[in-house]
C-alpha atoms as a PDB file:
ATOM      1  CA  MET A   1      23.434  -5.590  35.102  1.00  0.00           C
ATOM      2  CA  ASN A   2      22.219  -7.293  38.269  1.00  0.00           C
ATOM      3  CA  ILE A   3      18.485  -6.557  38.482  1.00  0.00           C
ATOM      4  CA  ASP A   4      18.301  -8.073  41.982  1.00  0.00           C
ATOM      5  CA  LYS A   5      19.717  -4.807  43.333  1.00  0.00           C
ATOM      6  CA  ARG A   6      17.079  -2.552  41.758  1.00  0.00           C
ATOM      7  CA  ARG A   7      15.343  -0.043  44.038  1.00  0.00           C
ATOM      8  CA  GLU A   8      11.895   1.468  43.595  1.00  0.00           C
ATOM      9  CA  ILE A   9      11.930   5.234  43.959  1.00  0.00           C
ATOM     10  CA  ILE A  10       8.649   6.762  45.111  1.00  0.00           C
ATOM     11  CA  LEU A  11       8.820  10.454  44.328  1.00  0.00           C
ATOM     12  CA  PRO A  12       7.401  13.020  46.762  1.00  0.00           C
ATOM     13  CA  THR A  13       4.575  15.359  45.794  1.00  0.00           C
ATOM     14  CA  GLY A  14       5.934  18.227  43.710  1.00  0.00           C
ATOM     15  CA  ALA A  15       8.985  16.316  42.526  1.00  0.00           C
ATOM     16  CA  PRO A  16       9.978  16.679  38.865  1.00  0.00           C
ATOM     17  CA  SER A  17       9.097  14.033  36.315  1.00  0.00           C
ATOM     18  CA  PRO A  18      11.676  11.213  36.092  1.00  0.00           C
ATOM     19  CA  ALA A  19      11.944  11.959  32.366  1.00  0.00           C
ATOM     20  CA  SER A  20      13.342  15.412  33.217  1.00  0.00           C
ATOM     21  CA  MET A  21      16.102  14.023  35.466  1.00  0.00           C
ATOM     22  CA  ASP A  22      19.535  14.307  33.876  1.00  0.00           C
ATOM     23  CA  GLN A  23      21.200  11.964  36.349  1.00  0.00           C
ATOM     24  CA  ILE A  24      20.197   9.763  39.304  1.00  0.00           C
ATOM     25  CA  VAL A  25      22.844   8.523  41.734  1.00  0.00           C
ATOM     26  CA  ALA A  26      22.332   6.023  44.554  1.00  0.00           C
ATOM     27  CA  ALA A  27      24.348   7.476  47.410  1.00  0.00           C
ATOM     28  CA  GLY A  28      23.876   4.655  49.909  1.00  0.00           C
ATOM     29  CA  ASP A  29      22.358   5.456  53.299  1.00  0.00           C
ATOM     30  CA  VAL A  30      23.251   9.130  53.779  1.00  0.00           C
ATOM     31  CA  THR A  31      20.610   9.784  56.452  1.00  0.00           C
ATOM     32  CA  GLY A  32      21.293   6.712  58.599  1.00  0.00           C
ATOM     33  CA  ASP A  33      17.712   5.382  58.449  1.00  0.00           C
ATOM     34  CA  GLY A  34      18.706   2.058  56.881  1.00  0.00           C
ATOM     35  CA  LYS A  35      17.256   2.920  53.461  1.00  0.00           C
ATOM     36  CA  THR A  36      19.024   3.801  50.227  1.00  0.00           C
ATOM     37  CA  ASP A  37      19.107   7.539  49.453  1.00  0.00           C
ATOM     38  CA  PHE A  38      19.339   8.980  45.948  1.00  0.00           C
ATOM     39  CA  PHE A  39      20.396  12.292  44.447  1.00  0.00           C
ATOM     40  CA  ALA A  40      18.872  13.458  41.177  1.00  0.00           C
ATOM     41  CA  ARG A  41      19.894  16.359  38.954  1.00  0.00           C
ATOM     42  CA  VAL A  42      17.235  18.265  37.019  1.00  0.00           C
ATOM     43  CA  GLY A  43      18.875  21.028  35.020  1.00  0.00           C
ATOM     44  CA  THR A  44      20.547  23.232  37.658  1.00  0.00           C
ATOM     45  CA  GLN A  45      18.580  21.757  40.590  1.00  0.00           C
ATOM     46  CA  LEU A  46      19.777  18.952  42.871  1.00  0.00           C
ATOM     47  CA  TRP A  47      17.115  16.829  44.511  1.00  0.00           C
ATOM     48  CA  ALA A  48      17.795  14.599  47.537  1.00  0.00           C
ATOM     49  CA  LEU A  49      15.417  11.633  47.536  1.00  0.00           C
ATOM     50  CA  ILE A  50      15.793  10.227  51.029  1.00  0.00           C
ATOM     51  CA  GLY A  51      14.670   6.816  52.291  1.00  0.00           C
END
């Protein structure tokens, strides 16, 4: 594992606890703002964590 490519994820207010996330996927820059975007699954919900 290359830890140089780690990204800090700052969760928005009201977001679920990271411990409740089943899966987190780095999707690259989906929004085009130059920052890495993530998708997280919490049960049946899909959260988009953008830049």
